[in-house]
Amino acid sequence: EKPYYRLLTGEDTHAFCVRVSEALEEGYVLYGS
């Protein structure tokens, strides 16, 4: 059910960094800057 591409957005907080980190742990990789 997880899409191939995701755009994570939000306020620049610790919680946002955690969301990005969780995506990386799920096998996603950063795409672009």
Full PDB file with SEQRES, HELIX, SHEET, SSBOND, CRYST1, ORIGX, SCALE, CONECT and MASTER records, all heavy atoms in Angstrom:
SEQRES   1 A   33  GLU LYS PRO TYR TYR ARG LEU LEU THR GLY GLU ASP THR          
SEQRES   2 A   33  HIS ALA PHE CYS VAL ARG VAL SER GLU ALA LEU GLU GLU          
SEQRES   3 A   33  GLY TYR VAL LEU TYR GLY SER                                  
HELIX    1 AA1 HIS A   14  GLU A   25  1                                  12    
CRYST1    1.000    1.000    1.000  90.00  90.00  90.00 P 1           1          
ORIGX1      1.000000  0.000000  0.000000        0.00000                         
ORIGX2      0.000000  1.000000  0.000000        0.00000                         
ORIGX3      0.000000  0.000000  1.000000        0.00000                         
SCALE1      1.000000  0.000000  0.000000        0.00000                         
SCALE2      0.000000  1.000000  0.000000        0.00000                         
SCALE3      0.000000  0.000000  1.000000        0.00000                         
ATOM      1  N   GLU A   1       0.812  -1.202   0.000  1.00  0.00           N  
ATOM      2  CA  GLU A   1       0.000   0.000   0.000  1.00  0.00           C  
ATOM      3  C   GLU A   1       0.853   1.263   0.000  1.00  0.00           C  
ATOM      4  O   GLU A   1       0.381   2.330  -0.330  1.00  0.00           O  
ATOM      5  CB  GLU A   1      -0.925   0.016   1.214  1.00  0.00           C  
ATOM      6  CG  GLU A   1      -1.986  -1.046   1.171  1.00  0.00           C  
ATOM      7  CD  GLU A   1      -2.792  -1.120   2.453  1.00  0.00           C  
ATOM      8  OE1 GLU A   1      -2.640  -0.240   3.315  1.00  0.00           O  
ATOM      9  OE2 GLU A   1      -3.562  -2.065   2.598  1.00  0.00           O  
ATOM     10  N   LYS A   2       2.102   1.148   0.370  1.00  0.00           N  
ATOM     11  CA  LYS A   2       2.982   2.316   0.427  1.00  0.00           C  
ATOM     12  C   LYS A   2       3.361   2.727  -0.992  1.00  0.00           C  
ATOM     13  O   LYS A   2       3.762   1.896  -1.797  1.00  0.00           O  
ATOM     14  CB  LYS A   2       4.218   2.024   1.258  1.00  0.00           C  
ATOM     15  CG  LYS A   2       3.870   1.812   2.715  1.00  0.00           C  
ATOM     16  CD  LYS A   2       5.090   1.850   3.561  1.00  0.00           C  
ATOM     17  CE  LYS A   2       4.689   1.674   4.998  1.00  0.00           C  
ATOM     18  NZ  LYS A   2       4.525   2.901   5.687  1.00  0.00           N  
ATOM     19  N   PRO A   3       3.251   3.999  -1.301  1.00  0.00           N  
ATOM     20  CA  PRO A   3       3.578   4.454  -2.646  1.00  0.00           C  
ATOM     21  C   PRO A   3       5.085   4.420  -2.907  1.00  0.00           C  
ATOM     22  O   PRO A   3       5.892   4.460  -1.973  1.00  0.00           O  
ATOM     23  CB  PRO A   3       3.056   5.889  -2.666  1.00  0.00           C  
ATOM     24  CG  PRO A   3       3.070   6.312  -1.238  1.00  0.00           C  
ATOM     25  CD  PRO A   3       2.791   5.076  -0.439  1.00  0.00           C  
ATOM     26  N   TYR A   4       5.438   4.363  -4.184  1.00  0.00           N  
ATOM     27  CA  TYR A   4       6.850   4.392  -4.562  1.00  0.00           C  
ATOM     28  C   TYR A   4       7.460   5.751  -4.228  1.00  0.00           C  
ATOM     29  O   TYR A   4       8.602   5.838  -3.789  1.00  0.00           O  
ATOM     30  CB  TYR A   4       6.981   4.100  -6.060  1.00  0.00           C  
ATOM     31  CG  TYR A   4       8.402   4.186  -6.559  1.00  0.00           C  
ATOM     32  CD1 TYR A   4       9.316   3.176  -6.262  1.00  0.00           C  
ATOM     33  CD2 TYR A   4       8.835   5.268  -7.308  1.00  0.00           C  
ATOM     34  CE1 TYR A   4      10.632   3.251  -6.689  1.00  0.00           C  
ATOM     35  CE2 TYR A   4      10.145   5.345  -7.736  1.00  0.00           C  
ATOM     36  CZ  TYR A   4      11.037   4.342  -7.439  1.00  0.00           C  
ATOM     37  OH  TYR A   4      12.332   4.436  -7.858  1.00  0.00           O  
ATOM     38  N   TYR A   5       6.707   6.826  -4.409  1.00  0.00           N  
ATOM     39  CA  TYR A   5       7.174   8.193  -4.182  1.00  0.00           C  
ATOM     40  C   TYR A   5       6.352   8.819  -3.068  1.00  0.00           C  
ATOM     41  O   TYR A   5       5.138   8.685  -3.046  1.00  0.00           O  
ATOM     42  CB  TYR A   5       7.007   9.009  -5.463  1.00  0.00           C  
ATOM     43  CG  TYR A   5       7.250  10.496  -5.294  1.00  0.00           C  
ATOM     44  CD1 TYR A   5       8.513  11.030  -5.458  1.00  0.00           C  
ATOM     45  CD2 TYR A   5       6.205  11.368  -4.964  1.00  0.00           C  
ATOM     46  CE1 TYR A   5       8.741  12.391  -5.306  1.00  0.00           C  
ATOM     47  CE2 TYR A   5       6.421  12.721  -4.813  1.00  0.00           C  
ATOM     48  CZ  TYR A   5       7.690  13.229  -4.989  1.00  0.00           C  
ATOM     49  OH  TYR A   5       7.906  14.560  -4.826  1.00  0.00           O  
ATOM     50  N   ARG A   6       7.021   9.504  -2.154  1.00  0.00           N  
ATOM     51  CA  ARG A   6       6.312  10.239  -1.099  1.00  0.00           C  
ATOM     52  C   ARG A   6       6.973  11.603  -0.938  1.00  0.00           C  
ATOM     53  O   ARG A   6       8.191  11.731  -1.041  1.00  0.00           O  
ATOM     54  CB  ARG A   6       6.419   9.501   0.240  1.00  0.00           C  
ATOM     55  CG  ARG A   6       5.667   8.200   0.277  1.00  0.00           C  
ATOM     56  CD  ARG A   6       5.986   7.371   1.491  1.00  0.00           C  
ATOM     57  NE  ARG A   6       5.684   8.049   2.746  1.00  0.00           N  
ATOM     58  CZ  ARG A   6       6.068   7.605   3.928  1.00  0.00           C  
ATOM     59  NH1 ARG A   6       6.776   6.501   4.027  1.00  0.00           N  
ATOM     60  NH2 ARG A   6       5.773   8.270   5.027  1.00  0.00           N  
ATOM     61  N   LEU A   7       6.162  12.618  -0.690  1.00  0.00           N  
ATOM     62  CA  LEU A   7       6.679  13.942  -0.373  1.00  0.00           C  
ATOM     63  C   LEU A   7       6.288  14.232   1.072  1.00  0.00           C  
ATOM     64  O   LEU A   7       5.108  14.407   1.385  1.00  0.00           O  
ATOM     65  CB  LEU A   7       6.107  15.015  -1.302  1.00  0.00           C  
ATOM     66  CG  LEU A   7       6.605  16.434  -1.030  1.00  0.00           C  
ATOM     67  CD1 LEU A   7       8.116  16.530  -1.242  1.00  0.00           C  
ATOM     68  CD2 LEU A   7       5.890  17.442  -1.902  1.00  0.00           C  
ATOM     69  N   LEU A   8       7.281  14.252   1.930  1.00  0.00           N  
ATOM     70  CA  LEU A   8       7.052  14.520   3.346  1.00  0.00           C  
ATOM     71  C   LEU A   8       7.142  16.027   3.555  1.00  0.00           C  
ATOM     72  O   LEU A   8       8.091  16.667   3.092  1.00  0.00           O  
ATOM     73  CB  LEU A   8       8.099  13.801   4.191  1.00  0.00           C  
ATOM     74  CG  LEU A   8       8.199  12.289   3.953  1.00  0.00           C  
ATOM     75  CD1 LEU A   8       9.375  11.702   4.720  1.00  0.00           C  
ATOM     76  CD2 LEU A   8       6.909  11.603   4.331  1.00  0.00           C  
ATOM     77  N   THR A   9       6.147  16.599   4.222  1.00  0.00           N  
ATOM     78  CA  THR A   9       6.119  18.041   4.449  1.00  0.00           C  
ATOM     79  C   THR A   9       5.761  18.314   5.891  1.00  0.00           C  
ATOM     80  O   THR A   9       5.146  17.489   6.568  1.00  0.00           O  
ATOM     81  CB  THR A   9       5.079  18.736   3.546  1.00  0.00           C  
ATOM     82  OG1 THR A   9       3.787  18.217   3.830  1.00  0.00           O  
ATOM     83  CG2 THR A   9       5.395  18.535   2.072  1.00  0.00           C  
ATOM     84  N   GLY A  10       6.133  19.489   6.355  1.00  0.00           N  
ATOM     85  CA  GLY A  10       5.758  19.879   7.703  1.00  0.00           C  
ATOM     86  C   GLY A  10       6.615  21.002   8.224  1.00  0.00           C  
ATOM     87  O   GLY A  10       7.473  21.548   7.516  1.00  0.00           O  
ATOM     88  N   GLU A  11       6.386  21.333   9.466  1.00  0.00           N  
ATOM     89  CA  GLU A  11       7.185  22.348  10.134  1.00  0.00           C  
ATOM     90  C   GLU A  11       8.562  21.760  10.453  1.00  0.00           C  
ATOM     91  O   GLU A  11       8.691  20.571  10.741  1.00  0.00           O  
ATOM     92  CB  GLU A  11       6.489  22.798  11.418  1.00  0.00           C  
ATOM     93  CG  GLU A  11       7.115  24.014  12.033  1.00  0.00           C  
ATOM     94  CD  GLU A  11       6.304  24.584  13.180  1.00  0.00           C  
ATOM     95  OE1 GLU A  11       5.185  24.099  13.431  1.00  0.00           O  
ATOM     96  OE2 GLU A  11       6.797  25.518  13.820  1.00  0.00           O  
ATOM     97  N   ASP A  12       9.579  22.583  10.383  1.00  0.00           N  
ATOM     98  CA  ASP A  12      10.948  22.134  10.639  1.00  0.00           C  
ATOM     99  C   ASP A  12      11.142  21.911  12.141  1.00  0.00           C  
ATOM    100  O   ASP A  12      11.574  22.800  12.872  1.00  0.00           O  
ATOM    101  CB  ASP A  12      11.944  23.169  10.106  1.00  0.00           C  
ATOM    102  CG  ASP A  12      13.382  22.690  10.190  1.00  0.00           C  
ATOM    103  OD1 ASP A  12      13.589  21.476  10.360  1.00  0.00           O  
ATOM    104  OD2 ASP A  12      14.287  23.532  10.086  1.00  0.00           O  
ATOM    105  N   THR A  13      10.784  20.705  12.574  1.00  0.00           N  
ATOM    106  CA  THR A  13      10.882  20.329  13.989  1.00  0.00           C  
ATOM    107  C   THR A  13      11.539  18.957  14.101  1.00  0.00           C  
ATOM    108  O   THR A  13      11.759  18.263  13.098  1.00  0.00           O  
ATOM    109  CB  THR A  13       9.487  20.242  14.636  1.00  0.00           C  
ATOM    110  OG1 THR A  13       8.756  19.189  13.973  1.00  0.00           O  
ATOM    111  CG2 THR A  13       8.721  21.554  14.543  1.00  0.00           C  
ATOM    112  N   HIS A  14      11.789  18.569  15.318  1.00  0.00           N  
ATOM    113  CA  HIS A  14      12.319  17.234  15.589  1.00  0.00           C  
ATOM    114  C   HIS A  14      11.362  16.169  15.040  1.00  0.00           C  
ATOM    115  O   HIS A  14      11.804  15.158  14.478  1.00  0.00           O  
ATOM    116  CB  HIS A  14      12.528  17.055  17.094  1.00  0.00           C  
ATOM    117  CG  HIS A  14      12.962  15.680  17.472  1.00  0.00           C  
ATOM    118  ND1 HIS A  14      14.254  15.232  17.298  1.00  0.00           N  
ATOM    119  CD2 HIS A  14      12.263  14.638  17.995  1.00  0.00           C  
ATOM    120  CE1 HIS A  14      14.330  13.978  17.703  1.00  0.00           C  
ATOM    121  NE2 HIS A  14      13.141  13.598  18.143  1.00  0.00           N  
ATOM    122  N   ALA A  15      10.069  16.399  15.187  1.00  0.00           N  
ATOM    123  CA  ALA A  15       9.071  15.429  14.721  1.00  0.00           C  
ATOM    124  C   ALA A  15       9.180  15.202  13.209  1.00  0.00           C  
ATOM    125  O   ALA A  15       9.036  14.068  12.732  1.00  0.00           O  
ATOM    126  CB  ALA A  15       7.665  15.896  15.085  1.00  0.00           C  
ATOM    127  N   PHE A  16       9.444  16.261  12.453  1.00  0.00           N  
ATOM    128  CA  PHE A  16       9.610  16.105  11.006  1.00  0.00           C  
ATOM    129  C   PHE A  16      10.845  15.248  10.712  1.00  0.00           C  
ATOM    130  O   PHE A  16      10.800  14.356   9.865  1.00  0.00           O  
ATOM    131  CB  PHE A  16       9.725  17.470  10.313  1.00  0.00           C  
ATOM    132  CG  PHE A  16       9.946  17.339   8.833  1.00  0.00           C  
ATOM    133  CD1 PHE A  16       8.890  17.085   7.979  1.00  0.00           C  
ATOM    134  CD2 PHE A  16      11.215  17.453   8.289  1.00  0.00           C  
ATOM    135  CE1 PHE A  16       9.090  16.939   6.619  1.00  0.00           C  
ATOM    136  CE2 PHE A  16      11.433  17.313   6.935  1.00  0.00           C  
ATOM    137  CZ  PHE A  16      10.366  17.066   6.088  1.00  0.00           C  
ATOM    138  N   CYS A  17      11.934  15.517  11.408  1.00  0.00           N  
ATOM    139  CA  CYS A  17      13.153  14.729  11.219  1.00  0.00           C  
ATOM    140  C   CYS A  17      12.906  13.254  11.538  1.00  0.00           C  
ATOM    141  O   CYS A  17      13.415  12.367  10.846  1.00  0.00           O  
ATOM    142  CB  CYS A  17      14.282  15.287  12.081  1.00  0.00           C  
ATOM    143  SG  CYS A  17      14.801  16.946  11.598  1.00  0.00           S  
ATOM    144  N   VAL A  18      12.108  12.991  12.555  1.00  0.00           N  
ATOM    145  CA  VAL A  18      11.762  11.612  12.906  1.00  0.00           C  
ATOM    146  C   VAL A  18      10.972  10.967  11.770  1.00  0.00           C  
ATOM    147  O   VAL A  18      11.218   9.809  11.406  1.00  0.00           O  
ATOM    148  CB  VAL A  18      10.978  11.568  14.239  1.00  0.00           C  
ATOM    149  CG1 VAL A  18      10.367  10.193  14.477  1.00  0.00           C  
ATOM    150  CG2 VAL A  18      11.876  11.969  15.397  1.00  0.00           C  
ATOM    151  N   ARG A  19      10.043  11.701  11.184  1.00  0.00           N  
ATOM    152  CA  ARG A  19       9.254  11.160  10.055  1.00  0.00           C  
ATOM    153  C   ARG A  19      10.152  10.778   8.882  1.00  0.00           C  
ATOM    154  O   ARG A  19       9.967   9.727   8.259  1.00  0.00           O  
ATOM    155  CB  ARG A  19       8.201  12.171   9.590  1.00  0.00           C  
ATOM    156  CG  ARG A  19       7.046  12.297  10.560  1.00  0.00           C  
ATOM    157  CD  ARG A  19       6.004  13.314  10.117  1.00  0.00           C  
ATOM    158  NE  ARG A  19       5.545  13.088   8.763  1.00  0.00           N  
ATOM    159  CZ  ARG A  19       5.260  14.062   7.901  1.00  0.00           C  
ATOM    160  NH1 ARG A  19       5.368  15.325   8.243  1.00  0.00           N  
ATOM    161  NH2 ARG A  19       4.840  13.781   6.691  1.00  0.00           N  
ATOM    162  N   VAL A  20      11.112  11.631   8.561  1.00  0.00           N  
ATOM    163  CA  VAL A  20      12.047  11.327   7.475  1.00  0.00           C  
ATOM    164  C   VAL A  20      12.887  10.108   7.854  1.00  0.00           C  
ATOM    165  O   VAL A  20      13.069   9.189   7.044  1.00  0.00           O  
ATOM    166  CB  VAL A  20      12.935  12.542   7.142  1.00  0.00           C  
ATOM    167  CG1 VAL A  20      14.014  12.168   6.129  1.00  0.00           C  
ATOM    168  CG2 VAL A  20      12.093  13.707   6.617  1.00  0.00           C  
ATOM    169  N   SER A  21      13.371  10.061   9.075  1.00  0.00           N  
ATOM    170  CA  SER A  21      14.173   8.925   9.540  1.00  0.00           C  
ATOM    171  C   SER A  21      13.375   7.626   9.474  1.00  0.00           C  
ATOM    172  O   SER A  21      13.906   6.581   9.075  1.00  0.00           O  
ATOM    173  CB  SER A  21      14.670   9.167  10.970  1.00  0.00           C  
ATOM    174  OG  SER A  21      15.533  10.271  11.004  1.00  0.00           O  
ATOM    175  N   GLU A  22      12.104   7.673   9.853  1.00  0.00           N  
ATOM    176  CA  GLU A  22      11.255   6.477   9.791  1.00  0.00           C  
ATOM    177  C   GLU A  22      11.084   6.011   8.351  1.00  0.00           C  
ATOM    178  O   GLU A  22      11.096   4.806   8.077  1.00  0.00           O  
ATOM    179  CB  GLU A  22       9.898   6.760  10.426  1.00  0.00           C  
ATOM    180  CG  GLU A  22       9.957   6.851  11.937  1.00  0.00           C  
ATOM    181  CD  GLU A  22       8.649   7.312  12.564  1.00  0.00           C  
ATOM    182  OE1 GLU A  22       7.746   7.787  11.832  1.00  0.00           O  
ATOM    183  OE2 GLU A  22       8.542   7.213  13.795  1.00  0.00           O  
ATOM    184  N   ALA A  23      10.925   6.940   7.427  1.00  0.00           N  
ATOM    185  CA  ALA A  23      10.805   6.575   6.014  1.00  0.00           C  
ATOM    186  C   ALA A  23      12.089   5.887   5.542  1.00  0.00           C  
ATOM    187  O   ALA A  23      12.036   4.888   4.818  1.00  0.00           O  
ATOM    188  CB  ALA A  23      10.498   7.803   5.165  1.00  0.00           C  
ATOM    189  N   LEU A  24      13.227   6.391   5.966  1.00  0.00           N  
ATOM    190  CA  LEU A  24      14.504   5.767   5.594  1.00  0.00           C  
ATOM    191  C   LEU A  24      14.606   4.362   6.167  1.00  0.00           C  
ATOM    192  O   LEU A  24      15.066   3.433   5.490  1.00  0.00           O  
ATOM    193  CB  LEU A  24      15.670   6.631   6.066  1.00  0.00           C  
ATOM    194  CG  LEU A  24      15.754   8.032   5.443  1.00  0.00           C  
ATOM    195  CD1 LEU A  24      16.894   8.817   6.064  1.00  0.00           C  
ATOM    196  CD2 LEU A  24      15.889   7.968   3.937  1.00  0.00           C  
ATOM    197  N   GLU A  25      14.141   4.171   7.392  1.00  0.00           N  
ATOM    198  CA  GLU A  25      14.149   2.847   8.022  1.00  0.00           C  
ATOM    199  C   GLU A  25      13.221   1.878   7.297  1.00  0.00           C  
ATOM    200  O   GLU A  25      13.451   0.670   7.298  1.00  0.00           O  
ATOM    201  CB  GLU A  25      13.756   2.953   9.491  1.00  0.00           C  
ATOM    202  CG  GLU A  25      14.808   3.597  10.356  1.00  0.00           C  
ATOM    203  CD  GLU A  25      14.345   3.833  11.782  1.00  0.00           C  
ATOM    204  OE1 GLU A  25      13.199   3.459  12.139  1.00  0.00           O  
ATOM    205  OE2 GLU A  25      15.137   4.407  12.553  1.00  0.00           O  
ATOM    206  N   GLU A  26      12.174   2.410   6.657  1.00  0.00           N  
ATOM    207  CA  GLU A  26      11.219   1.582   5.910  1.00  0.00           C  
ATOM    208  C   GLU A  26      11.731   1.235   4.511  1.00  0.00           C  
ATOM    209  O   GLU A  26      11.039   0.582   3.744  1.00  0.00           O  
ATOM    210  CB  GLU A  26       9.879   2.310   5.782  1.00  0.00           C  
ATOM    211  CG  GLU A  26       9.152   2.470   7.086  1.00  0.00           C  
ATOM    212  CD  GLU A  26       7.919   3.365   6.965  1.00  0.00           C  
ATOM    213  OE1 GLU A  26       7.635   3.871   5.856  1.00  0.00           O  
ATOM    214  OE2 GLU A  26       7.244   3.567   7.985  1.00  0.00           O  
ATOM    215  N   GLY A  27      12.923   1.678   4.161  1.00  0.00           N  
ATOM    216  CA  GLY A  27      13.495   1.331   2.869  1.00  0.00           C  
ATOM    217  C   GLY A  27      13.432   2.431   1.827  1.00  0.00           C  
ATOM    218  O   GLY A  27      13.835   2.230   0.685  1.00  0.00           O  
ATOM    219  N   TYR A  28      12.910   3.598   2.204  1.00  0.00           N  
ATOM    220  CA  TYR A  28      12.912   4.727   1.278  1.00  0.00           C  
ATOM    221  C   TYR A  28      14.299   5.364   1.272  1.00  0.00           C  
ATOM    222  O   TYR A  28      15.069   5.214   2.226  1.00  0.00           O  
ATOM    223  CB  TYR A  28      11.880   5.773   1.704  1.00  0.00           C  
ATOM    224  CG  TYR A  28      10.456   5.385   1.396  1.00  0.00           C  
ATOM    225  CD1 TYR A  28       9.703   4.642   2.311  1.00  0.00           C  
ATOM    226  CD2 TYR A  28       9.849   5.754   0.207  1.00  0.00           C  
ATOM    227  CE1 TYR A  28       8.392   4.278   2.038  1.00  0.00           C  
ATOM    228  CE2 TYR A  28       8.538   5.405  -0.076  1.00  0.00           C  
ATOM    229  CZ  TYR A  28       7.815   4.661   0.837  1.00  0.00           C  
ATOM    230  OH  TYR A  28       6.522   4.316   0.564  1.00  0.00           O  
ATOM    231  N   VAL A  29      14.616   6.056   0.186  1.00  0.00           N  
ATOM    232  CA  VAL A  29      15.859   6.818   0.089  1.00  0.00           C  
ATOM    233  C   VAL A  29      15.505   8.252  -0.268  1.00  0.00           C  
ATOM    234  O   VAL A  29      14.472   8.516  -0.905  1.00  0.00           O  
ATOM    235  CB  VAL A  29      16.836   6.219  -0.945  1.00  0.00           C  
ATOM    236  CG1 VAL A  29      17.343   4.860  -0.505  1.00  0.00           C  
ATOM    237  CG2 VAL A  29      16.210   6.138  -2.313  1.00  0.00           C  
ATOM    238  N   LEU A  30      16.369   9.165   0.133  1.00  0.00           N  
ATOM    239  CA  LEU A  30      16.132  10.578  -0.173  1.00  0.00           C  
ATOM    240  C   LEU A  30      16.160  10.778  -1.677  1.00  0.00           C  
ATOM    241  O   LEU A  30      16.974  10.183  -2.390  1.00  0.00           O  
ATOM    242  CB  LEU A  30      17.186  11.453   0.490  1.00  0.00           C  
ATOM    243  CG  LEU A  30      17.267  11.368   2.013  1.00  0.00           C  
ATOM    244  CD1 LEU A  30      18.408  12.242   2.515  1.00  0.00           C  
ATOM    245  CD2 LEU A  30      15.958  11.769   2.663  1.00  0.00           C  
ATOM    246  N   TYR A  31      15.279  11.628  -2.161  1.00  0.00           N  
ATOM    247  CA  TYR A  31      15.211  11.927  -3.585  1.00  0.00           C  
ATOM    248  C   TYR A  31      15.308  13.439  -3.744  1.00  0.00           C  
ATOM    249  O   TYR A  31      14.390  14.176  -3.386  1.00  0.00           O  
ATOM    250  CB  TYR A  31      13.894  11.407  -4.178  1.00  0.00           C  
ATOM    251  CG  TYR A  31      13.777  11.629  -5.655  1.00  0.00           C  
ATOM    252  CD1 TYR A  31      14.465  10.814  -6.551  1.00  0.00           C  
ATOM    253  CD2 TYR A  31      12.986  12.647  -6.165  1.00  0.00           C  
ATOM    254  CE1 TYR A  31      14.358  11.007  -7.912  1.00  0.00           C  
ATOM    255  CE2 TYR A  31      12.873  12.849  -7.520  1.00  0.00           C  
ATOM    256  CZ  TYR A  31      13.566  12.032  -8.399  1.00  0.00           C  
ATOM    257  OH  TYR A  31      13.466  12.223  -9.744  1.00  0.00           O  
ATOM    258  N   GLY A  32      16.426  13.904  -4.234  1.00  0.00           N  
ATOM    259  CA  GLY A  32      16.620  15.337  -4.404  1.00  0.00           C  
ATOM    260  C   GLY A  32      16.946  16.023  -3.089  1.00  0.00           C  
ATOM    261  O   GLY A  32      17.094  15.399  -2.046  1.00  0.00           O  
ATOM    262  N   SER A  33      17.059  17.316  -3.177  1.00  0.00           N  
ATOM    263  CA  SER A  33      17.402  18.129  -2.017  1.00  0.00           C  
ATOM    264  C   SER A  33      16.144  18.514  -1.244  1.00  0.00           C  
ATOM    265  O   SER A  33      15.068  18.623  -1.834  1.00  0.00           O  
ATOM    266  CB  SER A  33      18.101  19.410  -2.460  1.00  0.00           C  
ATOM    267  OG  SER A  33      19.294  19.109  -3.125  1.00  0.00           O  
TER     268      SER A  33                                                      
MASTER        0    0    0    1    0    0    0    6  267    1    0    3          
END                                                                             
